Amino acid sequence: MKKYIECPFPRLFPSQLEKDDNFYMQLAYNESISAWEQDEVPIGAVIVDKQGEVIASAYNQTRKCNDPTAHAEMLAITMATQKIGDWRMNECKMYVTKEPCPMCAGAAVVGRLKEVYYAYKDPKMGGLGGAISLHELPQSNHKPMVNIGVMEKECLQMMQTFFQLRRIKQK
């Protein structure tokens, strides 16, 4: 018997012909499937540079790393800054399957991401509009543009299904 619940959602194969916001969110969605397959909360993140090239992609790994900071966004931000050789990601965009928590939202603001796209709001712990809006702090020197709703239904459905199946398995 497998130690995790098999992911019922298929991977997506986005067309390379149209690299739009949906394309990048589909890549993040596939990362969230990788998280599910590792028995992690299914959240994926992708960071692209100003040319639209993917410079980082990651999924949640808090259980694997035994580290509460090993969120998809934090791992992707670290990868992206190492790739570009600078902590400032002024021309980069991040795509995330769920609203970043305050820790990840803070890293996005401090790391000077140009834009953050996320699929759906988290009213309990969201840091970019759901529970708090760290990107709108008046004293902050940097305020990334925040875009909400790309693949909202698909990403929310995956998260809800993940926790529904976990609750059933625990009974």
C-alpha atoms as a PDB file:
ATOM      1  CA  MET A   1       0.000   0.000   0.000  1.00  0.00           C
ATOM      2  CA  LYS A   2       1.266   3.474  -0.900  1.00  0.00           C
ATOM      3  CA  LYS A   3       2.028   5.830   1.958  1.00  0.00           C
ATOM      4  CA  TYR A   4       0.244   8.684   0.209  1.00  0.00           C
ATOM      5  CA  ILE A   5      -3.067   9.185  -1.551  1.00  0.00           C
ATOM      6  CA  GLU A   6      -2.621   9.029  -5.312  1.00  0.00           C
ATOM      7  CA  CYS A   7      -3.292  12.319  -7.054  1.00  0.00           C
ATOM      8  CA  PRO A   8      -6.454  12.079  -9.196  1.00  0.00           C
ATOM      9  CA  PHE A   9      -5.530  15.173 -11.223  1.00  0.00           C
ATOM     10  CA  PRO A  10      -3.609  14.741 -14.478  1.00  0.00           C
ATOM     11  CA  ARG A  11      -0.561  16.810 -15.342  1.00  0.00           C
ATOM     12  CA  LEU A  12      -1.150  19.544 -17.907  1.00  0.00           C
ATOM     13  CA  PHE A  13       0.816  19.992 -21.107  1.00  0.00           C
ATOM     14  CA  PRO A  14       0.669  23.697 -21.909  1.00  0.00           C
ATOM     15  CA  SER A  15       1.408  24.809 -25.445  1.00  0.00           C
ATOM     16  CA  GLN A  16       4.814  26.430 -25.894  1.00  0.00           C
ATOM     17  CA  LEU A  17       3.268  28.583 -28.635  1.00  0.00           C
ATOM     18  CA  GLU A  18       1.452  30.915 -26.256  1.00  0.00           C
ATOM     19  CA  LYS A  19       3.419  31.688 -23.118  1.00  0.00           C
ATOM     20  CA  ASP A  20       0.778  33.702 -21.311  1.00  0.00           C
ATOM     21  CA  ASP A  21      -0.274  33.794 -17.654  1.00  0.00           C
ATOM     22  CA  ASN A  22      -2.290  30.591 -18.063  1.00  0.00           C
ATOM     23  CA  PHE A  23       0.793  28.811 -19.464  1.00  0.00           C
ATOM     24  CA  TYR A  24       2.915  29.676 -16.429  1.00  0.00           C
ATOM     25  CA  MET A  25       0.135  28.847 -13.963  1.00  0.00           C
ATOM     26  CA  GLN A  26      -0.205  25.448 -15.639  1.00  0.00           C
ATOM     27  CA  LEU A  27       3.477  24.859 -14.910  1.00  0.00           C
ATOM     28  CA  ALA A  28       2.880  25.839 -11.265  1.00  0.00           C
ATOM     29  CA  TYR A  29      -0.150  23.520 -11.230  1.00  0.00           C
ATOM     30  CA  ASN A  30       2.080  20.647 -12.363  1.00  0.00           C
ATOM     31  CA  GLU A  31       4.452  21.491  -9.514  1.00  0.00           C
ATOM     32  CA  SER A  32       1.525  21.202  -7.098  1.00  0.00           C
ATOM     33  CA  ILE A  33       0.900  17.683  -8.431  1.00  0.00           C
ATOM     34  CA  SER A  34       4.534  16.879  -7.621  1.00  0.00           C
ATOM     35  CA  ALA A  35       3.882  18.109  -4.080  1.00  0.00           C
ATOM     36  CA  TRP A  36       0.818  15.867  -3.788  1.00  0.00           C
ATOM     37  CA  GLU A  37       2.872  12.882  -4.999  1.00  0.00           C
ATOM     38  CA  GLN A  38       5.328  13.536  -2.155  1.00  0.00           C
ATOM     39  CA  ASP A  39       2.497  13.784   0.410  1.00  0.00           C
ATOM     40  CA  GLU A  40       3.000  17.534   0.687  1.00  0.00           C
ATOM     41  CA  VAL A  41       0.288  20.196   0.608  1.00  0.00           C
ATOM     42  CA  PRO A  42      -0.217  20.681  -3.161  1.00  0.00           C
ATOM     43  CA  ILE A  43       1.132  24.148  -3.815  1.00  0.00           C
ATOM     44  CA  GLY A  44       3.425  24.946  -6.725  1.00  0.00           C
ATOM     45  CA  ALA A  45       5.305  28.070  -7.754  1.00  0.00           C
ATOM     46  CA  VAL A  46       7.089  29.217 -10.897  1.00  0.00           C
ATOM     47  CA  ILE A  47       9.207  32.350 -11.405  1.00  0.00           C
ATOM     48  CA  VAL A  48       9.892  33.791 -14.859  1.00  0.00           C
ATOM     49  CA  ASP A  49      12.320  36.493 -15.956  1.00  0.00           C
ATOM     50  CA  LYS A  50      11.533  39.514 -18.145  1.00  0.00           C
ATOM     51  CA  GLN A  51      12.004  37.421 -21.309  1.00  0.00           C
ATOM     52  CA  GLY A  52       9.398  34.950 -20.077  1.00  0.00           C
ATOM     53  CA  GLU A  53      11.891  32.187 -19.380  1.00  0.00           C
ATOM     54  CA  VAL A  54      11.256  29.995 -16.343  1.00  0.00           C
ATOM     55  CA  ILE A  55      14.152  30.556 -13.956  1.00  0.00           C
ATOM     56  CA  ALA A  56      12.728  28.647 -10.964  1.00  0.00           C
ATOM     57  CA  SER A  57      10.022  26.171 -10.136  1.00  0.00           C
ATOM     58  CA  ALA A  58       9.244  24.428  -6.877  1.00  0.00           C
ATOM     59  CA  TYR A  59       6.598  22.768  -4.764  1.00  0.00           C
ATOM     60  CA  ASN A  60       5.973  22.590  -1.028  1.00  0.00           C
ATOM     61  CA  GLN A  61       8.531  20.456   0.793  1.00  0.00           C
ATOM     62  CA  THR A  62       7.899  21.232   4.464  1.00  0.00           C
ATOM     63  CA  ARG A  63       7.466  17.575   5.443  1.00  0.00           C
ATOM     64  CA  LYS A  64      10.382  16.301   3.360  1.00  0.00           C
ATOM     65  CA  CYS A  65      12.766  18.982   4.645  1.00  0.00           C
ATOM     66  CA  ASN A  66      11.228  19.088   8.137  1.00  0.00           C
ATOM     67  CA  ASP A  67      11.302  22.853   7.658  1.00  0.00           C
ATOM     68  CA  PRO A  68       8.329  25.209   8.045  1.00  0.00           C
ATOM     69  CA  THR A  69       9.937  27.646   5.591  1.00  0.00           C
ATOM     70  CA  ALA A  70      10.161  25.115   2.737  1.00  0.00           C
ATOM     71  CA  HIS A  71       7.102  26.531   0.972  1.00  0.00           C
ATOM     72  CA  ALA A  72       6.976  26.430  -2.829  1.00  0.00           C
ATOM     73  CA  GLU A  73       7.343  30.210  -3.040  1.00  0.00           C
ATOM     74  CA  MET A  74      10.352  30.369  -0.700  1.00  0.00           C
ATOM     75  CA  LEU A  75      12.145  27.578  -2.544  1.00  0.00           C
ATOM     76  CA  ALA A  76      11.402  29.173  -5.926  1.00  0.00           C
ATOM     77  CA  ILE A  77      12.570  32.598  -4.728  1.00  0.00           C
ATOM     78  CA  THR A  78      15.862  31.112  -3.520  1.00  0.00           C
ATOM     79  CA  MET A  79      16.344  29.288  -6.821  1.00  0.00           C
ATOM     80  CA  ALA A  80      15.529  32.409  -8.855  1.00  0.00           C
ATOM     81  CA  THR A  81      17.910  34.682  -6.963  1.00  0.00           C
ATOM     82  CA  GLN A  82      20.691  32.134  -7.315  1.00  0.00           C
ATOM     83  CA  LYS A  83      19.985  31.851 -11.040  1.00  0.00           C
ATOM     84  CA  ILE A  84      20.067  35.608 -11.683  1.00  0.00           C
ATOM     85  CA  GLY A  85      22.847  36.276  -9.169  1.00  0.00           C
ATOM     86  CA  ASP A  86      20.965  39.018  -7.339  1.00  0.00           C
ATOM     87  CA  TRP A  87      18.430  39.130  -4.515  1.00  0.00           C
ATOM     88  CA  ARG A  88      16.443  41.764  -6.413  1.00  0.00           C
ATOM     89  CA  MET A  89      13.941  40.220  -8.798  1.00  0.00           C
ATOM     90  CA  ASN A  90      12.708  43.557 -10.179  1.00  0.00           C
ATOM     91  CA  GLU A  91      11.752  42.193 -13.604  1.00  0.00           C
ATOM     92  CA  CYS A  92      10.465  38.786 -12.488  1.00  0.00           C
ATOM     93  CA  LYS A  93       6.968  37.395 -12.095  1.00  0.00           C
ATOM     94  CA  MET A  94       5.901  34.622  -9.741  1.00  0.00           C
ATOM     95  CA  TYR A  95       2.958  32.281 -10.377  1.00  0.00           C
ATOM     96  CA  VAL A  96       1.552  30.377  -7.394  1.00  0.00           C
ATOM     97  CA  THR A  97      -1.381  27.977  -7.164  1.00  0.00           C
ATOM     98  CA  LYS A  98      -2.608  29.524  -3.872  1.00  0.00           C
ATOM     99  CA  GLU A  99      -2.240  32.913  -2.250  1.00  0.00           C
ATOM    100  CA  PRO A 100       1.135  33.159  -0.520  1.00  0.00           C
ATOM    101  CA  CYS A 101       1.167  33.139   3.284  1.00  0.00           C
ATOM    102  CA  PRO A 102       2.583  36.187   5.118  1.00  0.00           C
ATOM    103  CA  MET A 103       6.096  34.681   5.143  1.00  0.00           C
ATOM    104  CA  CYS A 104       6.085  34.063   1.386  1.00  0.00           C
ATOM    105  CA  ALA A 105       4.335  37.359   0.656  1.00  0.00           C
ATOM    106  CA  GLY A 106       6.982  39.150   2.699  1.00  0.00           C
ATOM    107  CA  ALA A 107       9.735  37.421   0.725  1.00  0.00           C
ATOM    108  CA  ALA A 108       8.044  38.467  -2.528  1.00  0.00           C
ATOM    109  CA  VAL A 109       7.913  42.095  -1.367  1.00  0.00           C
ATOM    110  CA  VAL A 110      11.459  42.171   0.050  1.00  0.00           C
ATOM    111  CA  GLY A 111      12.768  40.329  -3.023  1.00  0.00           C
ATOM    112  CA  ARG A 112      11.185  43.027  -5.167  1.00  0.00           C
ATOM    113  CA  LEU A 113       9.213  40.750  -7.453  1.00  0.00           C
ATOM    114  CA  LYS A 114       7.570  42.824 -10.156  1.00  0.00           C
ATOM    115  CA  GLU A 115       4.335  40.809 -10.176  1.00  0.00           C
ATOM    116  CA  VAL A 116       2.734  37.941  -8.292  1.00  0.00           C
ATOM    117  CA  TYR A 117      -0.054  35.861  -9.807  1.00  0.00           C
ATOM    118  CA  TYR A 118      -1.996  33.442  -7.649  1.00  0.00           C
ATOM    119  CA  ALA A 119      -4.999  31.262  -8.336  1.00  0.00           C
ATOM    120  CA  TYR A 120      -7.224  31.897  -5.307  1.00  0.00           C
ATOM    121  CA  LYS A 121      -7.340  33.836  -2.058  1.00  0.00           C
ATOM    122  CA  ASP A 122      -6.660  32.363   1.358  1.00  0.00           C
ATOM    123  CA  PRO A 123      -8.892  34.288   3.789  1.00  0.00           C
ATOM    124  CA  LYS A 124      -7.254  32.641   6.831  1.00  0.00           C
ATOM    125  CA  MET A 125      -3.524  33.019   6.084  1.00  0.00           C
ATOM    126  CA  GLY A 126      -3.137  34.882   2.790  1.00  0.00           C
ATOM    127  CA  GLY A 127      -0.532  37.620   2.775  1.00  0.00           C
ATOM    128  CA  LEU A 128      -1.421  39.363  -0.498  1.00  0.00           C
ATOM    129  CA  GLY A 129      -5.050  40.318  -0.028  1.00  0.00           C
ATOM    130  CA  GLY A 130      -6.756  37.380   1.696  1.00  0.00           C
ATOM    131  CA  ALA A 131      -6.080  37.888   5.410  1.00  0.00           C
ATOM    132  CA  ILE A 132      -3.558  40.736   5.146  1.00  0.00           C
ATOM    133  CA  SER A 133      -2.099  42.805   2.307  1.00  0.00           C
ATOM    134  CA  LEU A 134       1.655  43.038   2.867  1.00  0.00           C
ATOM    135  CA  HIS A 135       2.136  44.413  -0.643  1.00  0.00           C
ATOM    136  CA  GLU A 136       0.074  47.475   0.282  1.00  0.00           C
ATOM    137  CA  LEU A 137       1.991  48.591   3.369  1.00  0.00           C
ATOM    138  CA  PRO A 138       2.303  52.373   2.962  1.00  0.00           C
ATOM    139  CA  GLN A 139       5.892  52.494   4.251  1.00  0.00           C
ATOM    140  CA  SER A 140       7.141  49.791   1.888  1.00  0.00           C
ATOM    141  CA  ASN A 141       9.484  50.900  -0.890  1.00  0.00           C
ATOM    142  CA  HIS A 142       8.376  48.069  -3.134  1.00  0.00           C
ATOM    143  CA  LYS A 143       4.860  47.026  -4.010  1.00  0.00           C
ATOM    144  CA  PRO A 144       4.549  44.127  -6.443  1.00  0.00           C
ATOM    145  CA  MET A 145       1.515  44.088  -8.701  1.00  0.00           C
ATOM    146  CA  VAL A 146      -0.828  41.302  -7.572  1.00  0.00           C
ATOM    147  CA  ASN A 147      -3.074  39.396  -9.981  1.00  0.00           C
ATOM    148  CA  ILE A 148      -5.668  36.910  -8.744  1.00  0.00           C
ATOM    149  CA  GLY A 149      -7.733  34.222 -10.447  1.00  0.00           C
ATOM    150  CA  VAL A 150      -5.615  32.465 -13.092  1.00  0.00           C
ATOM    151  CA  MET A 151      -6.771  28.817 -12.953  1.00  0.00           C
ATOM    152  CA  GLU A 152      -8.700  29.551  -9.763  1.00  0.00           C
ATOM    153  CA  LYS A 153     -11.211  26.713 -10.112  1.00  0.00           C
ATOM    154  CA  GLU A 154      -8.646  24.006 -10.923  1.00  0.00           C
ATOM    155  CA  CYS A 155      -6.193  24.969  -8.178  1.00  0.00           C
ATOM    156  CA  LEU A 156      -8.874  25.360  -5.527  1.00  0.00           C
ATOM    157  CA  GLN A 157     -10.430  22.026  -6.498  1.00  0.00           C
ATOM    158  CA  MET A 158      -7.070  20.273  -6.145  1.00  0.00           C
ATOM    159  CA  MET A 159      -6.466  21.726  -2.682  1.00  0.00           C
ATOM    160  CA  GLN A 160      -9.975  20.904  -1.456  1.00  0.00           C
ATOM    161  CA  THR A 161      -9.759  17.354  -2.817  1.00  0.00           C
ATOM    162  CA  PHE A 162      -6.365  16.813  -1.188  1.00  0.00           C
ATOM    163  CA  PHE A 163      -7.678  17.663   2.276  1.00  0.00           C
ATOM    164  CA  GLN A 164     -11.005  15.824   1.761  1.00  0.00           C
ATOM    165  CA  LEU A 165      -9.136  12.627   0.860  1.00  0.00           C
ATOM    166  CA  ARG A 166      -6.738  13.049   3.789  1.00  0.00           C
ATOM    167  CA  ARG A 167      -9.664  13.374   6.202  1.00  0.00           C
ATOM    168  CA  ILE A 168     -11.265  10.224   4.770  1.00  0.00           C
ATOM    169  CA  LYS A 169      -7.979   8.314   5.030  1.00  0.00           C
ATOM    170  CA  GLN A 170      -7.520   9.375   8.673  1.00  0.00           C
ATOM    171  CA  LYS A 171     -10.896   7.910   9.696  1.00  0.00           C
END
